[in-house]
Amino acid sequence: MFVIKSAPLIRSLRIGSTLSAKIFKASPSTYTLSSVQAVENQIRYYAKSKDKKKEKGKPAKVEINETLLRDVIDYDGLNTQMQKAVQQMKDDFIKNLSLRSTTGAIDSLKISVDGKEHELQELAQISRKNPKTIIINMIAFPQTIPNVLTALEKSGMNLNPQQDGTTLFIPIPKITKDHRENLSKNAKTCFIKYRDLIKDIQNNVIRKLKKKENISKDDVYAMQTQITAISDKYICEAEKLLQSKQKELLGDS
């Protein structure tokens, strides 16, 4: 068996010090080549290349050492939270950014009443009179009609509700160029909201990482770079969803 007897050579392999300390317990100066390869095989490559320029619209390519990250942070929790943010953005696109005002989108519209938020369907009966008109019966909570009217007008769905007693009639608007552009802007606003949420998750994990003891500065920096790369991956995924939605809303071929 070929044996490496050079600590500097081992260090040159760029194996994280925390991980290498766990693997190489036998001797500080003697390691087998097969041991080194075993550690290298645990490193999952999302990709890294200093010789290639960063492709436009794609996150920087960084080597992700899952084994090292799992020992220090909640790696699965990090990915779950960020994926959840992307899914929530996708759900918002479906509910609130349709070219046609759907009963479902209006059902889940948030209404602020006395400092608390309620879905419109909790306060009213919602139905369709015909394909071009939605009816909202507010007889159960007539005192909230002003709140509902305000929410409908600010919903970004280009709605113009008409009131008759405790009943609201909502004509479904025609699809105009201005309406398409307004929805596209709302999609961008929604994307920014969830992009910032993903960044907040990233920064929170990094703050906790920096407070941990017995971790070298080099390892902290390496893990911080990897956490940022994971965040960039989810932001890139969200950005692709935004581009697809805007293309749909604007009618681009």
C-alpha atoms as a PDB file:
ATOM      1  CA  MET A   1       0.000   0.000   0.000  1.00  0.00           C
ATOM      2  CA  PHE A   2       1.347   3.422  -0.942  1.00  0.00           C
ATOM      3  CA  VAL A   3       1.853   5.690   2.090  1.00  0.00           C
ATOM      4  CA  ILE A   4       1.985   9.473   2.266  1.00  0.00           C
ATOM      5  CA  LYS A   5       4.296  10.768   5.006  1.00  0.00           C
ATOM      6  CA  SER A   6       3.964  14.454   4.427  1.00  0.00           C
ATOM      7  CA  ALA A   7       1.599  16.574   6.500  1.00  0.00           C
ATOM      8  CA  PRO A   8       1.985  19.575   4.126  1.00  0.00           C
ATOM      9  CA  LEU A   9       0.938  17.344   1.241  1.00  0.00           C
ATOM     10  CA  ILE A  10      -2.127  16.261   3.146  1.00  0.00           C
ATOM     11  CA  ARG A  11      -2.995  19.884   3.880  1.00  0.00           C
ATOM     12  CA  SER A  12      -2.591  20.737   0.218  1.00  0.00           C
ATOM     13  CA  LEU A  13      -5.501  18.448  -0.581  1.00  0.00           C
ATOM     14  CA  ARG A  14      -7.768  21.152   0.898  1.00  0.00           C
ATOM     15  CA  ILE A  15      -9.673  18.826   3.180  1.00  0.00           C
ATOM     16  CA  GLY A  16     -11.559  20.754   5.888  1.00  0.00           C
ATOM     17  CA  SER A  17      -9.653  20.624   9.167  1.00  0.00           C
ATOM     18  CA  THR A  18     -12.723  19.632  11.187  1.00  0.00           C
ATOM     19  CA  LEU A  19     -13.511  16.692   8.914  1.00  0.00           C
ATOM     20  CA  SER A  20      -9.886  15.597   8.516  1.00  0.00           C
ATOM     21  CA  ALA A  21      -9.402  15.586  12.299  1.00  0.00           C
ATOM     22  CA  LYS A  22     -12.227  13.065  12.605  1.00  0.00           C
ATOM     23  CA  ILE A  23     -10.937  10.811   9.809  1.00  0.00           C
ATOM     24  CA  PHE A  24      -7.201  10.865  10.478  1.00  0.00           C
ATOM     25  CA  LYS A  25      -6.863   9.735  14.090  1.00  0.00           C
ATOM     26  CA  ALA A  26      -3.971   7.253  13.819  1.00  0.00           C
ATOM     27  CA  SER A  27      -0.798   9.321  13.379  1.00  0.00           C
ATOM     28  CA  PRO A  28      -0.168  13.048  12.763  1.00  0.00           C
ATOM     29  CA  SER A  29       2.451  12.267  10.109  1.00  0.00           C
ATOM     30  CA  THR A  30       1.362   9.076   8.343  1.00  0.00           C
ATOM     31  CA  TYR A  31      -1.805   8.637   6.263  1.00  0.00           C
ATOM     32  CA  THR A  32      -2.704   6.107   3.587  1.00  0.00           C
ATOM     33  CA  LEU A  33      -3.632   7.236   0.124  1.00  0.00           C
ATOM     34  CA  SER A  34      -6.841   5.200   0.328  1.00  0.00           C
ATOM     35  CA  SER A  35      -7.870   7.183   3.438  1.00  0.00           C
ATOM     36  CA  VAL A  36      -7.392  10.442   1.609  1.00  0.00           C
ATOM     37  CA  GLN A  37      -9.428   9.192  -1.333  1.00  0.00           C
ATOM     38  CA  ALA A  38     -12.199   8.068   1.017  1.00  0.00           C
ATOM     39  CA  VAL A  39     -12.492  11.588   2.377  1.00  0.00           C
ATOM     40  CA  GLU A  40     -12.425  13.083  -1.089  1.00  0.00           C
ATOM     41  CA  ASN A  41     -15.255  10.769  -2.111  1.00  0.00           C
ATOM     42  CA  GLN A  42     -17.449  12.238   0.667  1.00  0.00           C
ATOM     43  CA  ILE A  43     -17.247  15.680  -0.895  1.00  0.00           C
ATOM     44  CA  ARG A  44     -20.173  16.420  -3.155  1.00  0.00           C
ATOM     45  CA  TYR A  45     -19.379  18.799  -5.979  1.00  0.00           C
ATOM     46  CA  TYR A  46     -22.003  21.282  -7.067  1.00  0.00           C
ATOM     47  CA  ALA A  47     -18.942  22.474  -9.067  1.00  0.00           C
ATOM     48  CA  LYS A  48     -16.005  24.798  -8.778  1.00  0.00           C
ATOM     49  CA  SER A  49     -13.681  26.220 -11.409  1.00  0.00           C
ATOM     50  CA  LYS A  50     -11.488  29.279 -11.210  1.00  0.00           C
ATOM     51  CA  ASP A  51     -10.618  28.962 -14.880  1.00  0.00           C
ATOM     52  CA  LYS A  52     -14.212  29.394 -16.052  1.00  0.00           C
ATOM     53  CA  LYS A  53     -16.121  32.641 -15.920  1.00  0.00           C
ATOM     54  CA  LYS A  54     -19.389  32.755 -13.952  1.00  0.00           C
ATOM     55  CA  GLU A  55     -22.233  32.081 -16.329  1.00  0.00           C
ATOM     56  CA  LYS A  56     -24.817  34.838 -16.525  1.00  0.00           C
ATOM     57  CA  GLY A  57     -27.937  34.109 -14.474  1.00  0.00           C
ATOM     58  CA  LYS A  58     -26.329  31.216 -12.622  1.00  0.00           C
ATOM     59  CA  PRO A  59     -24.879  31.150  -9.089  1.00  0.00           C
ATOM     60  CA  ALA A  60     -21.118  30.939  -8.623  1.00  0.00           C
ATOM     61  CA  LYS A  61     -19.863  27.366  -8.734  1.00  0.00           C
ATOM     62  CA  VAL A  62     -18.758  26.283  -5.283  1.00  0.00           C
ATOM     63  CA  GLU A  63     -17.707  22.956  -3.817  1.00  0.00           C
ATOM     64  CA  ILE A  64     -20.243  21.808  -1.191  1.00  0.00           C
ATOM     65  CA  ASN A  65     -18.853  19.585   1.568  1.00  0.00           C
ATOM     66  CA  GLU A  66     -22.073  18.136   2.997  1.00  0.00           C
ATOM     67  CA  THR A  67     -20.252  16.037   5.598  1.00  0.00           C
ATOM     68  CA  LEU A  68     -18.545  19.061   7.121  1.00  0.00           C
ATOM     69  CA  LEU A  69     -21.711  21.198   7.011  1.00  0.00           C
ATOM     70  CA  ARG A  70     -23.874  18.524   8.643  1.00  0.00           C
ATOM     71  CA  ASP A  71     -21.429  18.374  11.568  1.00  0.00           C
ATOM     72  CA  VAL A  72     -21.820  22.086  12.263  1.00  0.00           C
ATOM     73  CA  ILE A  73     -25.224  23.338  11.036  1.00  0.00           C
ATOM     74  CA  ASP A  74     -28.724  21.990  10.432  1.00  0.00           C
ATOM     75  CA  TYR A  75     -28.007  21.266   6.776  1.00  0.00           C
ATOM     76  CA  ASP A  76     -31.340  19.593   6.018  1.00  0.00           C
ATOM     77  CA  GLY A  77     -33.239  22.328   7.862  1.00  0.00           C
ATOM     78  CA  LEU A  78     -31.444  24.993   5.832  1.00  0.00           C
ATOM     79  CA  ASN A  79     -32.442  23.387   2.537  1.00  0.00           C
ATOM     80  CA  THR A  80     -35.997  22.735   3.735  1.00  0.00           C
ATOM     81  CA  GLN A  81     -36.567  26.366   4.740  1.00  0.00           C
ATOM     82  CA  MET A  82     -35.212  27.722   1.479  1.00  0.00           C
ATOM     83  CA  GLN A  83     -37.174  25.243  -0.628  1.00  0.00           C
ATOM     84  CA  LYS A  84     -40.308  26.180   1.327  1.00  0.00           C
ATOM     85  CA  ALA A  85     -39.751  29.847   0.447  1.00  0.00           C
ATOM     86  CA  VAL A  86     -39.540  28.976  -3.255  1.00  0.00           C
ATOM     87  CA  GLN A  87     -42.727  26.897  -3.002  1.00  0.00           C
ATOM     88  CA  GLN A  88     -44.571  29.709  -1.202  1.00  0.00           C
ATOM     89  CA  MET A  89     -43.597  32.088  -3.988  1.00  0.00           C
ATOM     90  CA  LYS A  90     -44.902  29.616  -6.551  1.00  0.00           C
ATOM     91  CA  ASP A  91     -48.191  29.324  -4.624  1.00  0.00           C
ATOM     92  CA  ASP A  92     -48.512  33.123  -4.485  1.00  0.00           C
ATOM     93  CA  PHE A  93     -48.014  33.302  -8.236  1.00  0.00           C
ATOM     94  CA  ILE A  94     -50.861  30.839  -8.755  1.00  0.00           C
ATOM     95  CA  LYS A  95     -53.260  32.480  -6.281  1.00  0.00           C
ATOM     96  CA  ASN A  96     -52.637  36.154  -6.905  1.00  0.00           C
ATOM     97  CA  LEU A  97     -51.157  36.576 -10.371  1.00  0.00           C
ATOM     98  CA  SER A  98     -53.654  35.048 -12.733  1.00  0.00           C
ATOM     99  CA  LEU A  99     -54.711  36.789 -15.937  1.00  0.00           C
ATOM    100  CA  ARG A 100     -58.274  35.965 -14.974  1.00  0.00           C
ATOM    101  CA  SER A 101     -59.612  36.873 -11.523  1.00  0.00           C
ATOM    102  CA  THR A 102     -60.541  33.509 -10.072  1.00  0.00           C
ATOM    103  CA  THR A 103     -62.877  32.779  -7.190  1.00  0.00           C
ATOM    104  CA  GLY A 104     -60.018  30.886  -5.539  1.00  0.00           C
ATOM    105  CA  ALA A 105     -57.729  33.924  -5.585  1.00  0.00           C
ATOM    106  CA  ILE A 106     -60.427  36.102  -4.030  1.00  0.00           C
ATOM    107  CA  ASP A 107     -61.293  33.412  -1.445  1.00  0.00           C
ATOM    108  CA  SER A 108     -57.805  33.618   0.055  1.00  0.00           C
ATOM    109  CA  LEU A 109     -57.501  37.414  -0.125  1.00  0.00           C
ATOM    110  CA  LYS A 110     -56.240  38.731   3.224  1.00  0.00           C
ATOM    111  CA  ILE A 111     -58.560  41.192   5.007  1.00  0.00           C
ATOM    112  CA  SER A 112     -57.255  43.265   7.919  1.00  0.00           C
ATOM    113  CA  VAL A 113     -59.859  43.644  10.689  1.00  0.00           C
ATOM    114  CA  ASP A 114     -58.989  45.180  14.069  1.00  0.00           C
ATOM    115  CA  GLY A 115     -55.297  44.468  13.553  1.00  0.00           C
ATOM    116  CA  LYS A 116     -55.818  40.822  12.617  1.00  0.00           C
ATOM    117  CA  GLU A 117     -55.789  39.208   9.183  1.00  0.00           C
ATOM    118  CA  HIS A 118     -58.602  36.967   7.936  1.00  0.00           C
ATOM    119  CA  GLU A 119     -59.175  35.306   4.593  1.00  0.00           C
ATOM    120  CA  LEU A 120     -62.168  36.772   2.777  1.00  0.00           C
ATOM    121  CA  GLN A 121     -63.869  33.365   2.687  1.00  0.00           C
ATOM    122  CA  GLU A 122     -63.982  33.478   6.520  1.00  0.00           C
ATOM    123  CA  LEU A 123     -66.062  36.666   6.396  1.00  0.00           C
ATOM    124  CA  ALA A 124     -68.275  36.176   3.345  1.00  0.00           C
ATOM    125  CA  GLN A 125     -69.992  33.786   0.958  1.00  0.00           C
ATOM    126  CA  ILE A 126     -68.327  33.925  -2.460  1.00  0.00           C
ATOM    127  CA  SER A 127     -69.849  32.660  -5.692  1.00  0.00           C
ATOM    128  CA  ARG A 128     -70.044  33.329  -9.424  1.00  0.00           C
ATOM    129  CA  LYS A 129     -73.163  34.865 -10.909  1.00  0.00           C
ATOM    130  CA  ASN A 130     -71.859  34.190 -14.407  1.00  0.00           C
ATOM    131  CA  PRO A 131     -68.426  33.811 -16.091  1.00  0.00           C
ATOM    132  CA  LYS A 132     -67.959  37.594 -15.958  1.00  0.00           C
ATOM    133  CA  THR A 133     -69.157  38.405 -12.410  1.00  0.00           C
ATOM    134  CA  ILE A 134     -68.205  37.294  -8.886  1.00  0.00           C
ATOM    135  CA  ILE A 135     -70.656  37.865  -6.006  1.00  0.00           C
ATOM    136  CA  ILE A 136     -69.556  38.406  -2.394  1.00  0.00           C
ATOM    137  CA  ASN A 137     -72.313  38.170   0.230  1.00  0.00           C
ATOM    138  CA  MET A 138     -71.248  40.096   3.359  1.00  0.00           C
ATOM    139  CA  ILE A 139     -74.435  39.590   5.395  1.00  0.00           C
ATOM    140  CA  ALA A 140     -72.602  37.675   8.159  1.00  0.00           C
ATOM    141  CA  PHE A 141     -70.079  40.473   8.844  1.00  0.00           C
ATOM    142  CA  PRO A 142     -71.460  43.670   7.269  1.00  0.00           C
ATOM    143  CA  GLN A 143     -69.236  45.847   9.479  1.00  0.00           C
ATOM    144  CA  THR A 144     -66.175  44.572   7.590  1.00  0.00           C
ATOM    145  CA  ILE A 145     -67.392  45.737   4.149  1.00  0.00           C
ATOM    146  CA  PRO A 146     -65.087  48.827   4.113  1.00  0.00           C
ATOM    147  CA  ASN A 147     -62.100  46.595   4.934  1.00  0.00           C
ATOM    148  CA  VAL A 148     -63.041  44.170   2.163  1.00  0.00           C
ATOM    149  CA  LEU A 149     -63.473  46.949  -0.403  1.00  0.00           C
ATOM    150  CA  THR A 150     -60.036  48.335   0.473  1.00  0.00           C
ATOM    151  CA  ALA A 151     -58.393  44.914   0.179  1.00  0.00           C
ATOM    152  CA  LEU A 152     -60.053  44.217  -3.178  1.00  0.00           C
ATOM    153  CA  GLU A 153     -58.975  47.547  -4.623  1.00  0.00           C
ATOM    154  CA  LYS A 154     -55.381  47.034  -3.459  1.00  0.00           C
ATOM    155  CA  SER A 155     -55.172  43.367  -4.451  1.00  0.00           C
ATOM    156  CA  GLY A 156     -53.359  44.039  -7.708  1.00  0.00           C
ATOM    157  CA  MET A 157     -56.025  42.055  -9.582  1.00  0.00           C
ATOM    158  CA  ASN A 158     -57.461  45.148 -11.286  1.00  0.00           C
ATOM    159  CA  LEU A 159     -60.815  44.735  -9.498  1.00  0.00           C
ATOM    160  CA  ASN A 160     -63.560  47.358  -9.309  1.00  0.00           C
ATOM    161  CA  PRO A 161     -66.164  46.066  -6.797  1.00  0.00           C
ATOM    162  CA  GLN A 162     -69.692  47.505  -6.792  1.00  0.00           C
ATOM    163  CA  GLN A 163     -71.711  47.526  -3.539  1.00  0.00           C
ATOM    164  CA  ASP A 164     -75.453  46.900  -3.214  1.00  0.00           C
ATOM    165  CA  GLY A 165     -76.358  46.709   0.484  1.00  0.00           C
ATOM    166  CA  THR A 166     -74.441  43.809   1.980  1.00  0.00           C
ATOM    167  CA  THR A 167     -73.609  42.340  -1.427  1.00  0.00           C
ATOM    168  CA  LEU A 168     -70.535  43.127  -3.516  1.00  0.00           C
ATOM    169  CA  PHE A 169     -70.463  42.537  -7.257  1.00  0.00           C
ATOM    170  CA  ILE A 170     -67.059  42.181  -8.911  1.00  0.00           C
ATOM    171  CA  PRO A 171     -66.910  42.437 -12.710  1.00  0.00           C
ATOM    172  CA  ILE A 172     -64.015  40.360 -14.018  1.00  0.00           C
ATOM    173  CA  PRO A 173     -61.795  42.845 -15.885  1.00  0.00           C
ATOM    174  CA  LYS A 174     -60.747  42.500 -19.493  1.00  0.00           C
ATOM    175  CA  ILE A 175     -57.142  41.563 -20.079  1.00  0.00           C
ATOM    176  CA  THR A 176     -55.435  44.783 -21.154  1.00  0.00           C
ATOM    177  CA  LYS A 177     -51.765  45.546 -21.768  1.00  0.00           C
ATOM    178  CA  ASP A 178     -51.696  47.724 -18.646  1.00  0.00           C
ATOM    179  CA  HIS A 179     -53.191  44.902 -16.591  1.00  0.00           C
ATOM    180  CA  ARG A 180     -50.567  42.463 -17.885  1.00  0.00           C
ATOM    181  CA  GLU A 181     -47.748  44.884 -17.070  1.00  0.00           C
ATOM    182  CA  ASN A 182     -49.154  45.520 -13.604  1.00  0.00           C
ATOM    183  CA  LEU A 183     -49.294  41.796 -12.881  1.00  0.00           C
ATOM    184  CA  SER A 184     -45.717  41.425 -14.143  1.00  0.00           C
ATOM    185  CA  LYS A 185     -44.570  44.149 -11.732  1.00  0.00           C
ATOM    186  CA  ASN A 186     -46.430  42.426  -8.903  1.00  0.00           C
ATOM    187  CA  ALA A 187     -44.633  39.191  -9.790  1.00  0.00           C
ATOM    188  CA  LYS A 188     -41.274  40.972  -9.473  1.00  0.00           C
ATOM    189  CA  THR A 189     -42.316  42.405  -6.097  1.00  0.00           C
ATOM    190  CA  CYS A 190     -43.326  38.928  -4.937  1.00  0.00           C
ATOM    191  CA  PHE A 191     -39.977  37.504  -6.090  1.00  0.00           C
ATOM    192  CA  ILE A 192     -38.042  40.192  -4.186  1.00  0.00           C
ATOM    193  CA  LYS A 193     -40.012  39.354  -1.029  1.00  0.00           C
ATOM    194  CA  TYR A 194     -39.045  35.672  -1.155  1.00  0.00           C
ATOM    195  CA  ARG A 195     -35.500  36.358  -2.372  1.00  0.00           C
ATOM    196  CA  ASP A 196     -34.992  38.487   0.731  1.00  0.00           C
ATOM    197  CA  LEU A 197     -36.537  35.737   2.879  1.00  0.00           C
ATOM    198  CA  ILE A 198     -34.000  33.229   1.526  1.00  0.00           C
ATOM    199  CA  LYS A 199     -31.197  35.716   2.230  1.00  0.00           C
ATOM    200  CA  ASP A 200     -32.506  36.158   5.784  1.00  0.00           C
ATOM    201  CA  ILE A 201     -32.398  32.380   6.304  1.00  0.00           C
ATOM    202  CA  GLN A 202     -28.836  32.334   4.952  1.00  0.00           C
ATOM    203  CA  ASN A 203     -27.675  35.192   7.173  1.00  0.00           C
ATOM    204  CA  ASN A 204     -29.297  33.687  10.268  1.00  0.00           C
ATOM    205  CA  VAL A 205     -27.430  30.399   9.761  1.00  0.00           C
ATOM    206  CA  ILE A 206     -24.140  32.226   9.160  1.00  0.00           C
ATOM    207  CA  ARG A 207     -24.592  34.301  12.332  1.00  0.00           C
ATOM    208  CA  LYS A 208     -25.069  31.120  14.371  1.00  0.00           C
ATOM    209  CA  LEU A 209     -22.067  29.540  12.654  1.00  0.00           C
ATOM    210  CA  LYS A 210     -19.789  32.438  13.623  1.00  0.00           C
ATOM    211  CA  LYS A 211     -20.794  32.084  17.275  1.00  0.00           C
ATOM    212  CA  LYS A 212     -19.713  28.438  17.453  1.00  0.00           C
ATOM    213  CA  GLU A 213     -16.480  27.665  19.273  1.00  0.00           C
ATOM    214  CA  ASN A 214     -13.550  25.422  18.328  1.00  0.00           C
ATOM    215  CA  ILE A 215     -13.905  26.077  14.597  1.00  0.00           C
ATOM    216  CA  SER A 216     -11.008  27.621  12.709  1.00  0.00           C
ATOM    217  CA  LYS A 217     -11.459  30.866  10.800  1.00  0.00           C
ATOM    218  CA  ASP A 218     -10.613  29.044   7.569  1.00  0.00           C
ATOM    219  CA  ASP A 219     -13.380  26.500   8.168  1.00  0.00           C
ATOM    220  CA  VAL A 220     -15.878  29.222   9.094  1.00  0.00           C
ATOM    221  CA  TYR A 221     -15.049  31.094   5.896  1.00  0.00           C
ATOM    222  CA  ALA A 222     -15.296  27.917   3.796  1.00  0.00           C
ATOM    223  CA  MET A 223     -18.673  26.987   5.283  1.00  0.00           C
ATOM    224  CA  GLN A 224     -19.965  30.547   4.948  1.00  0.00           C
ATOM    225  CA  THR A 225     -19.092  30.453   1.247  1.00  0.00           C
ATOM    226  CA  GLN A 226     -20.881  27.114   0.855  1.00  0.00           C
ATOM    227  CA  ILE A 227     -24.006  28.314   2.690  1.00  0.00           C
ATOM    228  CA  THR A 228     -24.125  31.368   0.419  1.00  0.00           C
ATOM    229  CA  ALA A 229     -23.811  29.101  -2.624  1.00  0.00           C
ATOM    230  CA  ILE A 230     -26.771  27.012  -1.433  1.00  0.00           C
ATOM    231  CA  SER A 231     -28.792  30.214  -0.973  1.00  0.00           C
ATOM    232  CA  ASP A 232     -27.826  31.381  -4.469  1.00  0.00           C
ATOM    233  CA  LYS A 233     -29.044  28.080  -5.901  1.00  0.00           C
ATOM    234  CA  TYR A 234     -32.552  28.582  -4.489  1.00  0.00           C
ATOM    235  CA  ILE A 235     -32.630  32.250  -5.504  1.00  0.00           C
ATOM    236  CA  CYS A 236     -31.690  31.195  -9.033  1.00  0.00           C
ATOM    237  CA  GLU A 237     -34.570  28.685  -8.980  1.00  0.00           C
ATOM    238  CA  ALA A 238     -36.975  31.425  -7.835  1.00  0.00           C
ATOM    239  CA  GLU A 239     -35.682  33.784 -10.510  1.00  0.00           C
ATOM    240  CA  LYS A 240     -36.378  31.212 -13.225  1.00  0.00           C
ATOM    241  CA  LEU A 241     -39.957  30.896 -11.925  1.00  0.00           C
ATOM    242  CA  LEU A 242     -40.273  34.693 -12.066  1.00  0.00           C
ATOM    243  CA  GLN A 243     -39.028  34.834 -15.649  1.00  0.00           C
ATOM    244  CA  SER A 244     -41.455  32.109 -16.682  1.00  0.00           C
ATOM    245  CA  LYS A 245     -44.372  33.854 -14.928  1.00  0.00           C
ATOM    246  CA  GLN A 246     -43.577  37.238 -16.451  1.00  0.00           C
ATOM    247  CA  LYS A 247     -43.364  35.655 -19.886  1.00  0.00           C
ATOM    248  CA  GLU A 248     -46.810  34.117 -19.317  1.00  0.00           C
ATOM    249  CA  LEU A 249     -48.330  37.359 -18.013  1.00  0.00           C
ATOM    250  CA  LEU A 250     -46.923  39.562 -20.749  1.00  0.00           C
ATOM    251  CA  GLY A 251     -47.879  37.109 -23.468  1.00  0.00           C
ATOM    252  CA  ASP A 252     -44.323  36.765 -24.786  1.00  0.00           C
ATOM    253  CA  SER A 253     -43.875  33.969 -27.264  1.00  0.00           C
END
